[in-house]
């Protein structure tokens, strides 16, 4: 590995990281990040129906 080759690899990883950040930012706009605060029954109903999106939003 020479310096120019390592520099190109670092630039390539940086570029891919920026693309990944942009994609995850766009995805986060469509995922819920907070649960509603109504009655216990409504909250349970929401959690049963939207738990996957809620978990994906926080993992993202």
C-alpha atoms as a PDB file:
ATOM      1  CA  UNK A   1       0.000   0.000   0.000  1.00  0.00           C
ATOM      2  CA  UNK A   2       1.364   3.340  -0.994  1.00  0.00           C
ATOM      3  CA  UNK A   3       0.208   6.724   0.263  1.00  0.00           C
ATOM      4  CA  UNK A   4      -1.788   7.678  -2.861  1.00  0.00           C
ATOM      5  CA  UNK A   5      -3.562   4.316  -2.779  1.00  0.00           C
ATOM      6  CA  UNK A   6      -4.428   4.686   0.922  1.00  0.00           C
ATOM      7  CA  UNK A   7      -5.616   8.234   0.354  1.00  0.00           C
ATOM      8  CA  UNK A   8      -7.962   7.074  -2.407  1.00  0.00           C
ATOM      9  CA  UNK A   9      -9.330   4.335  -0.160  1.00  0.00           C
ATOM     10  CA  UNK A  10      -9.974   6.819   2.652  1.00  0.00           C
ATOM     11  CA  UNK A  11     -11.748   9.164   0.232  1.00  0.00           C
ATOM     12  CA  UNK A  12     -13.852   6.259  -1.053  1.00  0.00           C
ATOM     13  CA  UNK A  13     -14.909   5.253   2.482  1.00  0.00           C
ATOM     14  CA  UNK A  14     -15.713   8.873   3.317  1.00  0.00           C
ATOM     15  CA  UNK A  15     -17.866   9.211   0.220  1.00  0.00           C
ATOM     16  CA  UNK A  16     -19.769   6.016   1.043  1.00  0.00           C
ATOM     17  CA  UNK A  17     -20.288   7.211   4.626  1.00  0.00           C
ATOM     18  CA  UNK A  18     -21.804  10.495   3.436  1.00  0.00           C
ATOM     19  CA  UNK A  19     -24.152   8.626   1.072  1.00  0.00           C
ATOM     20  CA  UNK A  20     -25.197   6.363   3.964  1.00  0.00           C
ATOM     21  CA  UNK A  21     -25.894   9.364   6.215  1.00  0.00           C
ATOM     22  CA  UNK A  22     -28.040  11.006   3.541  1.00  0.00           C
ATOM     23  CA  UNK A  23     -30.035   7.821   2.934  1.00  0.00           C
ATOM     24  CA  UNK A  24     -30.674   7.200   6.643  1.00  0.00           C
ATOM     25  CA  UNK A  25     -31.703  10.849   7.107  1.00  0.00           C
ATOM     26  CA  UNK A  26     -34.288  10.555   4.346  1.00  0.00           C
ATOM     27  CA  UNK A  27     -35.572   7.268   5.787  1.00  0.00           C
ATOM     28  CA  UNK A  28     -35.904   8.822   9.253  1.00  0.00           C
ATOM     29  CA  UNK A  29     -38.411  11.377   7.910  1.00  0.00           C
ATOM     30  CA  UNK A  30     -40.893   8.558   7.294  1.00  0.00           C
ATOM     31  CA  UNK A  31     -40.531   6.646  10.583  1.00  0.00           C
ATOM     32  CA  UNK A  32     -42.251   7.567  13.852  1.00  0.00           C
ATOM     33  CA  UNK A  33     -39.917   8.583  16.674  1.00  0.00           C
ATOM     34  CA  UNK A  34     -42.430   9.158  19.467  1.00  0.00           C
ATOM     35  CA  UNK A  35     -45.445   7.323  20.758  1.00  0.00           C
ATOM     36  CA  UNK A  36     -48.778   9.044  21.343  1.00  0.00           C
ATOM     37  CA  UNK A  37     -49.861   9.805  24.903  1.00  0.00           C
ATOM     38  CA  UNK A  38     -53.603   8.988  24.926  1.00  0.00           C
ATOM     39  CA  UNK A  39     -55.348   6.380  27.032  1.00  0.00           C
ATOM     40  CA  UNK A  40     -53.749   3.045  27.859  1.00  0.00           C
ATOM     41  CA  UNK A  41     -55.975   1.187  25.373  1.00  0.00           C
ATOM     42  CA  UNK A  42     -55.160   3.529  22.486  1.00  0.00           C
ATOM     43  CA  UNK A  43     -51.444   3.357  23.271  1.00  0.00           C
ATOM     44  CA  UNK A  44     -51.551  -0.445  23.294  1.00  0.00           C
ATOM     45  CA  UNK A  45     -53.421  -0.443  19.967  1.00  0.00           C
ATOM     46  CA  UNK A  46     -50.851   1.939  18.456  1.00  0.00           C
ATOM     47  CA  UNK A  47     -47.952  -0.176  19.732  1.00  0.00           C
ATOM     48  CA  UNK A  48     -49.412  -3.364  18.278  1.00  0.00           C
ATOM     49  CA  UNK A  49     -49.916  -1.755  14.855  1.00  0.00           C
ATOM     50  CA  UNK A  50     -46.821   0.481  14.590  1.00  0.00           C
ATOM     51  CA  UNK A  51     -44.155  -1.163  16.700  1.00  0.00           C
ATOM     52  CA  UNK A  52     -41.997  -2.153  13.714  1.00  0.00           C
ATOM     53  CA  UNK A  53     -41.793   1.380  12.359  1.00  0.00           C
ATOM     54  CA  UNK A  54     -41.164   2.786  15.825  1.00  0.00           C
ATOM     55  CA  UNK A  55     -38.280   0.373  16.462  1.00  0.00           C
ATOM     56  CA  UNK A  56     -36.797   0.980  12.995  1.00  0.00           C
ATOM     57  CA  UNK A  57     -36.991   4.730  13.575  1.00  0.00           C
ATOM     58  CA  UNK A  58     -34.984   4.484  16.772  1.00  0.00           C
ATOM     59  CA  UNK A  59     -32.511   1.992  15.347  1.00  0.00           C
ATOM     60  CA  UNK A  60     -31.952   4.262  12.393  1.00  0.00           C
END
